[in-house]
Amino acid sequence: MADNVQGTESHLRSVIKGISWRVLGTIDTMILSYLWTGSIKTATLIGSSEAMTKIFLFWAHERVWHRIRWGRITPPTSSP
């Protein structure tokens, strides 16, 4: 059974999650770009540019969803 982790997510945690996700996504983009173009230089340029924009977009997306209460489950409070 997984632990139910509750709490506020820091901005730094959101940034680190964004970076780690983008590293994986950028590798995928670079591989696909190379397969389509046959050029390592073009694949690197495409992968680098998309990584920079998508890190920011992921961070912004996370921060917006952090403010939305829909779908959150609040643990019941125990009585003393």
Protein backbone atom coordinates (compact mmCIF):
# COMPACT_ATOMS: atom_id res chain seq x y z
CA MET A 1 0.00 0.00 0.00
CA ALA A 2 1.48 3.36 -1.02
CA ASP A 3 1.87 6.15 1.48
CA ASN A 4 -0.58 9.01 1.03
CA VAL A 5 1.78 11.98 0.87
CA GLN A 6 0.04 15.25 1.62
CA GLY A 7 1.39 18.76 1.85
CA THR A 8 2.44 21.73 -0.13
CA GLU A 9 4.89 21.27 -2.97
CA SER A 10 7.69 23.81 -3.03
CA HIS A 11 8.64 25.80 -6.12
CA LEU A 12 12.06 24.12 -6.07
CA ARG A 13 10.48 20.65 -6.11
CA SER A 14 8.36 21.67 -9.11
CA VAL A 15 11.46 22.95 -10.90
CA ILE A 16 13.44 19.77 -10.21
CA LYS A 17 10.52 17.61 -11.39
CA GLY A 18 10.30 19.73 -14.53
CA ILE A 19 13.99 19.35 -15.25
CA SER A 20 14.04 15.59 -14.75
CA TRP A 21 10.97 15.12 -16.92
CA ARG A 22 12.40 17.36 -19.65
CA VAL A 23 15.70 15.47 -19.71
CA LEU A 24 13.77 12.33 -20.57
CA GLY A 25 11.54 14.18 -23.04
CA THR A 26 14.49 15.91 -24.68
CA ILE A 27 16.33 12.65 -25.22
CA ASP A 28 13.19 11.31 -26.90
CA THR A 29 12.86 14.45 -29.06
CA MET A 30 16.51 14.33 -30.08
CA ILE A 31 16.30 10.66 -31.06
CA LEU A 32 13.16 11.26 -33.13
CA SER A 33 14.65 14.40 -34.68
CA TYR A 34 17.78 12.51 -35.64
CA LEU A 35 15.75 9.67 -37.16
CA TRP A 36 13.69 12.16 -39.21
CA THR A 37 16.51 14.47 -40.30
CA GLY A 38 19.64 12.31 -40.16
CA SER A 39 21.47 15.30 -38.67
CA ILE A 40 22.91 15.27 -35.15
CA LYS A 41 23.31 19.07 -35.27
CA THR A 42 19.65 19.63 -36.17
CA ALA A 43 18.50 17.07 -33.59
CA THR A 44 20.55 18.81 -30.90
CA LEU A 45 19.19 22.25 -31.82
CA ILE A 46 15.60 21.00 -31.81
CA GLY A 47 16.07 19.11 -28.51
CA SER A 48 17.78 22.04 -26.78
CA SER A 49 15.21 24.63 -27.79
CA GLU A 50 12.22 22.50 -26.84
CA ALA A 51 13.78 21.66 -23.47
CA MET A 52 14.11 25.30 -22.46
CA THR A 53 10.53 26.21 -23.30
CA LYS A 54 8.97 23.07 -21.87
CA ILE A 55 10.75 23.30 -18.50
CA PHE A 56 9.09 26.68 -17.97
CA LEU A 57 5.72 25.44 -19.28
CA PHE A 58 5.79 22.42 -16.95
CA TRP A 59 6.64 24.60 -13.95
CA ALA A 60 3.80 27.01 -14.78
CA HIS A 61 1.39 24.10 -15.31
CA GLU A 62 2.32 22.57 -11.94
CA ARG A 63 1.88 25.89 -10.12
CA VAL A 64 -1.56 26.47 -11.67
CA TRP A 65 -2.72 22.96 -10.73
CA HIS A 66 -1.34 23.45 -7.22
CA ARG A 67 -3.93 26.22 -6.75
CA ILE A 68 -6.87 24.14 -8.04
CA ARG A 69 -8.68 22.25 -5.29
CA TRP A 70 -10.71 20.01 -7.63
CA GLY A 71 -9.93 16.32 -7.19
CA ARG A 72 -7.93 16.65 -3.98
CA ILE A 73 -8.72 14.29 -1.14
CA THR A 74 -8.45 15.79 2.32
CA PRO A 75 -7.56 13.27 5.01
CA PRO A 76 -10.12 13.08 7.81
CA THR A 77 -9.15 14.84 11.03
CA SER A 78 -9.04 12.68 14.12
CA SER A 79 -10.88 13.73 17.25
CA PRO A 80 -8.88 13.93 20.51
